[in-house]
Amino acid sequence: MTEVLAALLGTIVGGFISWIANVYQNKSQATFDFHREFDSDVMHRSRILADQLIRKNPNDTLYEIYEKYPEESFHIWQVINFYRRLWVAINYGQVKTNLVPELFGEIFIWWYLLCFEKQYIPAYNHSQGRKQILELKKWIDKHSNKSEMDEWTRLALKKREQRISKK
């Protein structure tokens, strides 16, 4: 009887350890899949084209940009929707959260300060996407290394100032 209980306990413990390792591996894989997507040729091109469109229309909300350039604005929404999905994955525990600030924090802060804060957030005050971007910003603020966060913010604000002074 003792041998049966020991075997049963061993099976349960082994299964539990295997399950934990699988969850950990899946979260790591999902995190790096997000990063691979973000650095893909398609997404890189969308980020460049979105940035060009934002630069060309610095005083317009994203709604106004969409009205003027419905097809080209696809690239801006590509970036926004990536970050929305990243937030949902974080919120539902689908990614390895300790990797997120290092992999996505700096560029998210750049997008937030150069576009989302003044062109997206004010224009879509009741949208789910707006809420998700704001939640991701709060989360990154809370979970990032403070000195890194300060540096990311400083660099993004410097870039924003350079853009304003060129006008």
N, C-alpha and C. Protein backbone atom coordinates (compact mmCIF):
# COMPACT_ATOMS: atom_id res chain seq x y z
N MET A 1 0.82 -1.19 0.00
CA MET A 1 0.00 0.00 0.00
C MET A 1 0.86 1.26 0.00
N THR A 2 1.93 1.25 0.79
CA THR A 2 2.84 2.38 0.85
C THR A 2 3.47 2.65 -0.51
N GLU A 3 3.84 1.57 -1.21
CA GLU A 3 4.45 1.72 -2.54
C GLU A 3 3.46 2.37 -3.52
N VAL A 4 2.20 1.99 -3.43
CA VAL A 4 1.18 2.55 -4.33
C VAL A 4 1.00 4.04 -4.04
N LEU A 5 0.94 4.39 -2.75
CA LEU A 5 0.80 5.80 -2.39
C LEU A 5 2.02 6.60 -2.83
N ALA A 6 3.21 6.04 -2.67
CA ALA A 6 4.43 6.73 -3.10
C ALA A 6 4.43 6.92 -4.61
N ALA A 7 4.01 5.91 -5.35
CA ALA A 7 3.95 6.01 -6.81
C ALA A 7 2.92 7.06 -7.23
N LEU A 8 1.77 7.04 -6.57
CA LEU A 8 0.72 8.01 -6.87
C LEU A 8 1.19 9.42 -6.56
N LEU A 9 1.82 9.61 -5.41
CA LEU A 9 2.34 10.92 -5.04
C LEU A 9 3.42 11.36 -6.01
N GLY A 10 4.29 10.45 -6.41
CA GLY A 10 5.34 10.76 -7.39
C GLY A 10 4.76 11.19 -8.73
N THR A 11 3.70 10.52 -9.15
CA THR A 11 3.03 10.87 -10.41
C THR A 11 2.42 12.26 -10.33
N ILE A 12 1.76 12.54 -9.21
CA ILE A 12 1.12 13.85 -9.03
C ILE A 12 2.17 14.95 -8.98
N VAL A 13 3.22 14.76 -8.20
CA VAL A 13 4.27 15.77 -8.08
C VAL A 13 4.98 15.96 -9.42
N GLY A 14 5.30 14.87 -10.09
CA GLY A 14 5.95 14.95 -11.41
C GLY A 14 5.08 15.67 -12.42
N GLY A 15 3.78 15.35 -12.40
CA GLY A 15 2.85 16.02 -13.32
C GLY A 15 2.76 17.51 -13.03
N PHE A 16 2.75 17.86 -11.75
CA PHE A 16 2.67 19.26 -11.37
C PHE A 16 3.93 20.02 -11.81
N ILE A 17 5.08 19.43 -11.58
CA ILE A 17 6.34 20.06 -11.99
C ILE A 17 6.38 20.21 -13.51
N SER A 18 5.92 19.21 -14.21
CA SER A 18 5.88 19.27 -15.67
C SER A 18 4.93 20.38 -16.14
N TRP A 19 3.79 20.48 -15.49
CA TRP A 19 2.81 21.52 -15.84
C TRP A 19 3.40 22.91 -15.61
N ILE A 20 4.06 23.13 -14.46
CA ILE A 20 4.69 24.42 -14.15
C ILE A 20 5.75 24.76 -15.20
N ALA A 21 6.58 23.79 -15.53
CA ALA A 21 7.63 24.02 -16.54
C ALA A 21 7.01 24.37 -17.89
N ASN A 22 5.92 23.72 -18.24
CA ASN A 22 5.24 23.98 -19.51
C ASN A 22 4.65 25.40 -19.54
N VAL A 23 4.02 25.81 -18.44
CA VAL A 23 3.46 27.17 -18.36
C VAL A 23 4.58 28.19 -18.50
N TYR A 24 5.66 27.99 -17.80
CA TYR A 24 6.82 28.89 -17.85
C TYR A 24 7.36 28.97 -19.28
N GLN A 25 7.51 27.83 -19.93
CA GLN A 25 8.02 27.78 -21.30
C GLN A 25 7.06 28.48 -22.26
N ASN A 26 5.76 28.26 -22.11
CA ASN A 26 4.77 28.90 -22.98
C ASN A 26 4.78 30.42 -22.84
N LYS A 27 4.91 30.90 -21.62
CA LYS A 27 4.96 32.35 -21.40
C LYS A 27 6.22 32.95 -22.02
N SER A 28 7.34 32.27 -21.85
CA SER A 28 8.58 32.75 -22.45
C SER A 28 8.46 32.77 -23.96
N GLN A 29 7.92 31.70 -24.53
CA GLN A 29 7.75 31.61 -25.98
C GLN A 29 6.83 32.71 -26.49
N ALA A 30 5.73 32.95 -25.80
CA ALA A 30 4.79 34.00 -26.21
C ALA A 30 5.45 35.37 -26.16
N THR A 31 6.25 35.62 -25.14
CA THR A 31 6.94 36.90 -25.01
C THR A 31 7.90 37.11 -26.18
N PHE A 32 8.68 36.10 -26.49
CA PHE A 32 9.62 36.23 -27.60
C PHE A 32 8.91 36.24 -28.95
N ASP A 33 7.76 35.61 -29.04
CA ASP A 33 6.96 35.70 -30.27
C ASP A 33 6.49 37.14 -30.49
N PHE A 34 6.04 37.80 -29.42
CA PHE A 34 5.66 39.21 -29.52
C PHE A 34 6.86 40.04 -29.99
N HIS A 35 8.01 39.78 -29.40
CA HIS A 35 9.20 40.55 -29.76
C HIS A 35 9.61 40.29 -31.21
N ARG A 36 9.53 39.05 -31.63
CA ARG A 36 9.85 38.70 -33.02
C ARG A 36 8.89 39.43 -33.98
N GLU A 37 7.62 39.46 -33.63
CA GLU A 37 6.64 40.18 -34.45
C GLU A 37 6.98 41.66 -34.49
N PHE A 38 7.30 42.25 -33.35
CA PHE A 38 7.59 43.68 -33.28
C PHE A 38 8.80 44.04 -34.12
N ASP A 39 9.78 43.14 -34.19
CA ASP A 39 10.99 43.38 -34.97
C ASP A 39 10.93 42.82 -36.38
N SER A 40 9.78 42.32 -36.78
CA SER A 40 9.64 41.76 -38.13
C SER A 40 9.75 42.87 -39.18
N ASP A 41 10.06 42.49 -40.40
CA ASP A 41 10.16 43.46 -41.49
C ASP A 41 8.85 44.22 -41.67
N VAL A 42 7.74 43.50 -41.62
CA VAL A 42 6.42 44.12 -41.82
C VAL A 42 6.15 45.17 -40.74
N MET A 43 6.38 44.81 -39.50
CA MET A 43 6.10 45.73 -38.41
C MET A 43 7.10 46.88 -38.40
N HIS A 44 8.34 46.61 -38.72
CA HIS A 44 9.34 47.67 -38.78
C HIS A 44 8.94 48.70 -39.84
N ARG A 45 8.50 48.23 -40.98
CA ARG A 45 8.04 49.12 -42.05
C ARG A 45 6.83 49.93 -41.59
N SER A 46 5.89 49.27 -40.92
CA SER A 46 4.71 49.99 -40.41
C SER A 46 5.10 51.06 -39.40
N ARG A 47 6.06 50.76 -38.54
CA ARG A 47 6.49 51.76 -37.56
C ARG A 47 7.12 52.97 -38.24
N ILE A 48 7.91 52.73 -39.27
CA ILE A 48 8.53 53.85 -40.00
C ILE A 48 7.46 54.69 -40.69
N LEU A 49 6.54 54.04 -41.40
CA LEU A 49 5.50 54.77 -42.12
C LEU A 49 4.55 55.48 -41.16
N ALA A 50 4.26 54.86 -40.03
CA ALA A 50 3.41 55.50 -39.02
C ALA A 50 4.10 56.74 -38.48
N ASP A 51 5.38 56.64 -38.19
CA ASP A 51 6.13 57.78 -37.68
C ASP A 51 6.16 58.92 -38.71
N GLN A 52 6.34 58.59 -39.97
CA GLN A 52 6.34 59.63 -41.01
C GLN A 52 4.99 60.35 -41.07
N LEU A 53 3.92 59.60 -40.96
CA LEU A 53 2.59 60.19 -41.00
C LEU A 53 2.33 61.07 -39.78
N ILE A 54 2.80 60.64 -38.64
CA ILE A 54 2.66 61.42 -37.41
C ILE A 54 3.48 62.71 -37.51
N ARG A 55 4.68 62.61 -38.04
CA ARG A 55 5.52 63.80 -38.21
C ARG A 55 4.89 64.81 -39.16
N LYS A 56 4.25 64.28 -40.18
CA LYS A 56 3.62 65.13 -41.19
C LYS A 56 2.38 65.84 -40.62
N ASN A 57 1.80 65.29 -39.56
CA ASN A 57 0.55 65.82 -38.97
C ASN A 57 0.68 65.95 -37.45
N PRO A 58 1.64 66.73 -36.98
CA PRO A 58 1.93 66.75 -35.54
C PRO A 58 0.81 67.33 -34.67
N ASN A 59 -0.05 68.14 -35.24
CA ASN A 59 -1.09 68.79 -34.45
C ASN A 59 -2.46 68.13 -34.61
N ASP A 60 -2.53 67.09 -35.40
CA ASP A 60 -3.80 66.40 -35.64
C ASP A 60 -3.94 65.21 -34.70
N THR A 61 -5.16 64.94 -34.30
CA THR A 61 -5.43 63.72 -33.56
C THR A 61 -5.36 62.55 -34.55
N LEU A 62 -5.29 61.36 -34.04
CA LEU A 62 -5.25 60.20 -34.94
C LEU A 62 -6.55 60.06 -35.71
N TYR A 63 -7.63 60.51 -35.12
CA TYR A 63 -8.90 60.50 -35.83
C TYR A 63 -8.83 61.41 -37.05
N GLU A 64 -8.26 62.59 -36.87
CA GLU A 64 -8.11 63.53 -37.99
C GLU A 64 -7.14 63.01 -39.04
N ILE A 65 -6.08 62.36 -38.60
CA ILE A 65 -5.13 61.76 -39.54
C ILE A 65 -5.83 60.67 -40.34
N TYR A 66 -6.63 59.86 -39.66
CA TYR A 66 -7.38 58.81 -40.35
C TYR A 66 -8.32 59.41 -41.39
N GLU A 67 -8.99 60.49 -41.04
CA GLU A 67 -9.90 61.15 -41.97
C GLU A 67 -9.16 61.63 -43.23
N LYS A 68 -7.96 62.14 -43.07
CA LYS A 68 -7.17 62.65 -44.20
C LYS A 68 -6.50 61.52 -44.99
N TYR A 69 -6.00 60.54 -44.27
CA TYR A 69 -5.20 59.47 -44.89
C TYR A 69 -5.68 58.10 -44.41
N PRO A 70 -6.86 57.68 -44.83
CA PRO A 70 -7.41 56.42 -44.30
C PRO A 70 -6.53 55.19 -44.58
N GLU A 71 -5.94 55.12 -45.75
CA GLU A 71 -5.12 53.95 -46.07
C GLU A 71 -3.77 53.99 -45.36
N GLU A 72 -3.12 55.13 -45.39
CA GLU A 72 -1.80 55.25 -44.77
C GLU A 72 -1.87 55.12 -43.24
N SER A 73 -3.00 55.53 -42.67
CA SER A 73 -3.12 55.46 -41.21
C SER A 73 -3.16 54.03 -40.69
N PHE A 74 -3.34 53.08 -41.60
CA PHE A 74 -3.27 51.66 -41.23
C PHE A 74 -2.01 51.38 -40.41
N HIS A 75 -0.91 52.00 -40.78
CA HIS A 75 0.37 51.73 -40.12
C HIS A 75 0.38 52.21 -38.66
N ILE A 76 -0.28 53.32 -38.41
CA ILE A 76 -0.38 53.80 -37.03
C ILE A 76 -1.21 52.81 -36.21
N TRP A 77 -2.32 52.37 -36.79
CA TRP A 77 -3.18 51.42 -36.07
C TRP A 77 -2.49 50.08 -35.89
N GLN A 78 -1.60 49.73 -36.78
CA GLN A 78 -0.81 48.50 -36.64
C GLN A 78 0.02 48.57 -35.35
N VAL A 79 0.64 49.71 -35.13
CA VAL A 79 1.45 49.91 -33.92
C VAL A 79 0.56 49.90 -32.68
N ILE A 80 -0.51 50.66 -32.72
CA ILE A 80 -1.44 50.73 -31.58
C ILE A 80 -1.98 49.34 -31.24
N ASN A 81 -2.41 48.62 -32.25
CA ASN A 81 -3.00 47.30 -32.00
C ASN A 81 -1.98 46.30 -31.49
N PHE A 82 -0.73 46.45 -31.88
CA PHE A 82 0.32 45.59 -31.30
C PHE A 82 0.38 45.82 -29.79
N TYR A 83 0.45 47.09 -29.39
CA TYR A 83 0.54 47.40 -27.96
C TYR A 83 -0.72 47.02 -27.20
N ARG A 84 -1.87 47.12 -27.85
CA ARG A 84 -3.11 46.67 -27.21
C ARG A 84 -3.04 45.18 -26.93
N ARG A 85 -2.60 44.40 -27.91
CA ARG A 85 -2.49 42.95 -27.71
C ARG A 85 -1.45 42.60 -26.66
N LEU A 86 -0.35 43.36 -26.63
CA LEU A 86 0.66 43.14 -25.60
C LEU A 86 0.05 43.38 -24.22
N TRP A 87 -0.73 44.45 -24.08
CA TRP A 87 -1.36 44.71 -22.79
C TRP A 87 -2.30 43.57 -22.40
N VAL A 88 -3.12 43.11 -23.33
CA VAL A 88 -4.06 42.02 -23.02
C VAL A 88 -3.28 40.78 -22.58
N ALA A 89 -2.17 40.49 -23.25
CA ALA A 89 -1.35 39.33 -22.87
C ALA A 89 -0.77 39.50 -21.47
N ILE A 90 -0.33 40.70 -21.15
CA ILE A 90 0.18 40.97 -19.80
C ILE A 90 -0.95 40.83 -18.78
N ASN A 91 -2.06 41.45 -19.07
CA ASN A 91 -3.20 41.48 -18.15
C ASN A 91 -3.74 40.08 -17.84
N TYR A 92 -3.67 39.18 -18.81
CA TYR A 92 -4.18 37.83 -18.60
C TYR A 92 -3.08 36.80 -18.35
N GLY A 93 -1.89 37.27 -18.02
CA GLY A 93 -0.81 36.39 -17.62
C GLY A 93 -0.31 35.47 -18.72
N GLN A 94 -0.33 35.94 -19.95
CA GLN A 94 0.07 35.10 -21.07
C GLN A 94 1.52 35.28 -21.49
N VAL A 95 2.22 36.25 -20.87
CA VAL A 95 3.62 36.49 -21.20
C VAL A 95 4.45 36.52 -19.92
N LYS A 96 5.75 36.42 -20.10
CA LYS A 96 6.68 36.49 -18.99
C LYS A 96 6.94 37.97 -18.70
N THR A 97 6.23 38.49 -17.71
CA THR A 97 6.17 39.93 -17.49
C THR A 97 7.52 40.55 -17.12
N ASN A 98 8.42 39.80 -16.52
CA ASN A 98 9.70 40.41 -16.15
C ASN A 98 10.56 40.72 -17.38
N LEU A 99 10.22 40.16 -18.55
CA LEU A 99 10.96 40.47 -19.77
C LEU A 99 10.38 41.66 -20.53
N VAL A 100 9.13 41.98 -20.27
CA VAL A 100 8.42 43.00 -21.06
C VAL A 100 9.08 44.37 -21.01
N PRO A 101 9.42 44.92 -19.84
CA PRO A 101 10.03 46.26 -19.85
C PRO A 101 11.32 46.31 -20.67
N GLU A 102 12.15 45.31 -20.55
CA GLU A 102 13.42 45.29 -21.28
C GLU A 102 13.22 45.16 -22.79
N LEU A 103 12.25 44.35 -23.19
CA LEU A 103 12.02 44.12 -24.61
C LEU A 103 11.18 45.20 -25.29
N PHE A 104 10.26 45.80 -24.55
CA PHE A 104 9.29 46.72 -25.18
C PHE A 104 9.21 48.10 -24.54
N GLY A 105 9.76 48.27 -23.35
CA GLY A 105 9.56 49.51 -22.61
C GLY A 105 10.04 50.76 -23.30
N GLU A 106 11.28 50.77 -23.77
CA GLU A 106 11.85 51.99 -24.34
C GLU A 106 11.07 52.47 -25.57
N ILE A 107 10.77 51.56 -26.47
CA ILE A 107 10.08 51.98 -27.69
C ILE A 107 8.62 52.32 -27.39
N PHE A 108 8.00 51.62 -26.44
CA PHE A 108 6.63 52.00 -26.06
C PHE A 108 6.59 53.42 -25.51
N ILE A 109 7.53 53.75 -24.63
CA ILE A 109 7.56 55.09 -24.05
C ILE A 109 7.76 56.12 -25.17
N TRP A 110 8.60 55.82 -26.12
CA TRP A 110 8.81 56.71 -27.26
C TRP A 110 7.49 56.94 -27.99
N TRP A 111 6.78 55.86 -28.32
CA TRP A 111 5.50 55.99 -29.03
C TRP A 111 4.48 56.73 -28.17
N TYR A 112 4.48 56.41 -26.89
CA TYR A 112 3.51 57.05 -26.01
C TYR A 112 3.71 58.56 -25.98
N LEU A 113 4.95 58.99 -25.78
CA LEU A 113 5.22 60.42 -25.65
C LEU A 113 5.21 61.18 -26.98
N LEU A 114 5.54 60.52 -28.08
CA LEU A 114 5.56 61.21 -29.36
C LEU A 114 4.25 61.10 -30.14
N CYS A 115 3.37 60.21 -29.74
CA CYS A 115 2.12 60.06 -30.49
C CYS A 115 0.91 59.82 -29.59
N PHE A 116 0.91 58.73 -28.85
CA PHE A 116 -0.29 58.31 -28.14
C PHE A 116 -0.83 59.39 -27.19
N GLU A 117 0.06 59.98 -26.42
CA GLU A 117 -0.34 60.92 -25.38
C GLU A 117 -1.13 62.12 -25.93
N LYS A 118 -0.70 62.66 -27.05
CA LYS A 118 -1.34 63.89 -27.57
C LYS A 118 -2.24 63.65 -28.78
N GLN A 119 -2.03 62.55 -29.49
CA GLN A 119 -2.79 62.35 -30.71
C GLN A 119 -3.83 61.22 -30.63
N TYR A 120 -3.61 60.27 -29.74
CA TYR A 120 -4.53 59.14 -29.63
C TYR A 120 -5.45 59.27 -28.42
N ILE A 121 -4.86 59.41 -27.26
CA ILE A 121 -5.62 59.43 -26.00
C ILE A 121 -6.74 60.48 -26.01
N PRO A 122 -6.46 61.73 -26.39
CA PRO A 122 -7.53 62.74 -26.36
C PRO A 122 -8.65 62.49 -27.37
N ALA A 123 -8.34 61.85 -28.47
CA ALA A 123 -9.33 61.69 -29.55
C ALA A 123 -10.28 60.52 -29.35
N TYR A 124 -9.88 59.56 -28.56
CA TYR A 124 -10.69 58.35 -28.41
C TYR A 124 -11.01 58.12 -26.95
N ASN A 125 -11.66 59.10 -26.31
CA ASN A 125 -11.81 59.03 -24.86
C ASN A 125 -12.66 57.88 -24.34
N HIS A 126 -13.45 57.24 -25.14
CA HIS A 126 -14.28 56.15 -24.62
C HIS A 126 -13.97 54.81 -25.27
N SER A 127 -12.83 54.70 -25.90
CA SER A 127 -12.53 53.45 -26.61
C SER A 127 -11.80 52.45 -25.72
N GLN A 128 -11.98 51.20 -26.04
CA GLN A 128 -11.28 50.12 -25.34
C GLN A 128 -9.77 50.24 -25.58
N GLY A 129 -9.40 50.60 -26.81
CA GLY A 129 -7.98 50.74 -27.14
C GLY A 129 -7.30 51.80 -26.31
N ARG A 130 -7.95 52.92 -26.13
CA ARG A 130 -7.41 54.01 -25.30
C ARG A 130 -7.15 53.50 -23.89
N LYS A 131 -8.12 52.81 -23.35
CA LYS A 131 -7.99 52.27 -21.99
C LYS A 131 -6.81 51.29 -21.91
N GLN A 132 -6.66 50.45 -22.92
CA GLN A 132 -5.58 49.46 -22.92
C GLN A 132 -4.21 50.13 -23.01
N ILE A 133 -4.10 51.18 -23.85
CA ILE A 133 -2.83 51.89 -23.95
C ILE A 133 -2.49 52.58 -22.63
N LEU A 134 -3.48 53.20 -22.00
CA LEU A 134 -3.25 53.84 -20.70
C LEU A 134 -2.85 52.82 -19.63
N GLU A 135 -3.48 51.66 -19.64
CA GLU A 135 -3.14 50.61 -18.68
C GLU A 135 -1.72 50.09 -18.92
N LEU A 136 -1.36 49.93 -20.19
CA LEU A 136 0.01 49.48 -20.49
C LEU A 136 1.01 50.52 -20.01
N LYS A 137 0.72 51.79 -20.21
CA LYS A 137 1.62 52.86 -19.74
C LYS A 137 1.79 52.79 -18.23
N LYS A 138 0.68 52.66 -17.51
CA LYS A 138 0.76 52.55 -16.04
C LYS A 138 1.59 51.33 -15.63
N TRP A 139 1.35 50.22 -16.32
CA TRP A 139 2.04 48.98 -15.98
C TRP A 139 3.54 49.13 -16.23
N ILE A 140 3.91 49.69 -17.38
CA ILE A 140 5.34 49.86 -17.69
C ILE A 140 5.97 50.84 -16.70
N ASP A 141 5.27 51.91 -16.36
CA ASP A 141 5.78 52.84 -15.34
C ASP A 141 6.08 52.10 -14.04
N LYS A 142 5.20 51.23 -13.64
CA LYS A 142 5.32 50.53 -12.36
C LYS A 142 6.38 49.42 -12.39
N HIS A 143 6.53 48.75 -13.52
CA HIS A 143 7.38 47.56 -13.57
C HIS A 143 8.75 47.77 -14.20
N SER A 144 9.03 48.97 -14.63
CA SER A 144 10.34 49.25 -15.23
C SER A 144 11.31 49.77 -14.19
N ASN A 145 12.56 49.54 -14.44
CA ASN A 145 13.61 50.11 -13.62
C ASN A 145 13.51 51.62 -13.70
N LYS A 146 13.48 52.31 -12.57
CA LYS A 146 13.25 53.75 -12.55
C LYS A 146 14.30 54.52 -13.35
N SER A 147 15.56 54.17 -13.22
CA SER A 147 16.59 54.93 -13.95
C SER A 147 16.46 54.69 -15.46
N GLU A 148 16.11 53.47 -15.86
CA GLU A 148 15.89 53.21 -17.28
C GLU A 148 14.68 53.99 -17.78
N MET A 149 13.61 53.97 -16.99
CA MET A 149 12.40 54.69 -17.35
C MET A 149 12.68 56.18 -17.50
N ASP A 150 13.44 56.73 -16.59
CA ASP A 150 13.81 58.15 -16.68
C ASP A 150 14.60 58.43 -17.96
N GLU A 151 15.50 57.54 -18.30
CA GLU A 151 16.31 57.71 -19.52
C GLU A 151 15.44 57.58 -20.77
N TRP A 152 14.54 56.59 -20.81
CA TRP A 152 13.64 56.43 -21.96
C TRP A 152 12.79 57.70 -22.13
N THR A 153 12.29 58.21 -21.03
CA THR A 153 11.45 59.40 -21.07
C THR A 153 12.26 60.60 -21.54
N ARG A 154 13.45 60.75 -21.00
CA ARG A 154 14.32 61.88 -21.39
C ARG A 154 14.59 61.84 -22.89
N LEU A 155 14.94 60.68 -23.41
CA LEU A 155 15.25 60.55 -24.84
C LEU A 155 14.03 60.84 -25.72
N ALA A 156 12.88 60.33 -25.32
CA ALA A 156 11.66 60.56 -26.11
C ALA A 156 11.28 62.04 -26.08
N LEU A 157 11.38 62.67 -24.92
CA LEU A 157 11.05 64.10 -24.82
C LEU A 157 12.04 64.94 -25.62
N LYS A 158 13.30 64.53 -25.62
CA LYS A 158 14.31 65.22 -26.42
C LYS A 158 13.96 65.12 -27.90
N LYS A 159 13.56 63.94 -28.33
CA LYS A 159 13.17 63.74 -29.73
C LYS A 159 11.94 64.59 -30.06
N ARG A 160 10.98 64.63 -29.15
CA ARG A 160 9.79 65.45 -29.37
C ARG A 160 10.16 66.92 -29.49
N GLU A 161 11.05 67.40 -28.63
CA GLU A 161 11.52 68.79 -28.70
C GLU A 161 12.21 69.08 -30.03
N GLN A 162 13.05 68.16 -30.48
CA GLN A 162 13.74 68.34 -31.77
C GLN A 162 12.74 68.47 -32.89
N ARG A 163 11.70 67.67 -32.85
CA ARG A 163 10.68 67.73 -33.89
C ARG A 163 9.93 69.05 -33.87
N ILE A 164 9.63 69.52 -32.68
CA ILE A 164 8.90 70.78 -32.54
C ILE A 164 9.76 71.95 -33.01
N SER A 165 11.05 71.93 -32.65
CA SER A 165 11.93 73.04 -33.01
C SER A 165 12.22 73.09 -34.51
N LYS A 166 12.07 71.99 -35.21
CA LYS A 166 12.28 71.95 -36.65
C LYS A 166 11.15 72.62 -37.41
N LYS A 167 10.02 72.77 -36.79
CA LYS A 167 8.85 73.33 -37.46
C LYS A 167 8.96 74.82 -37.64
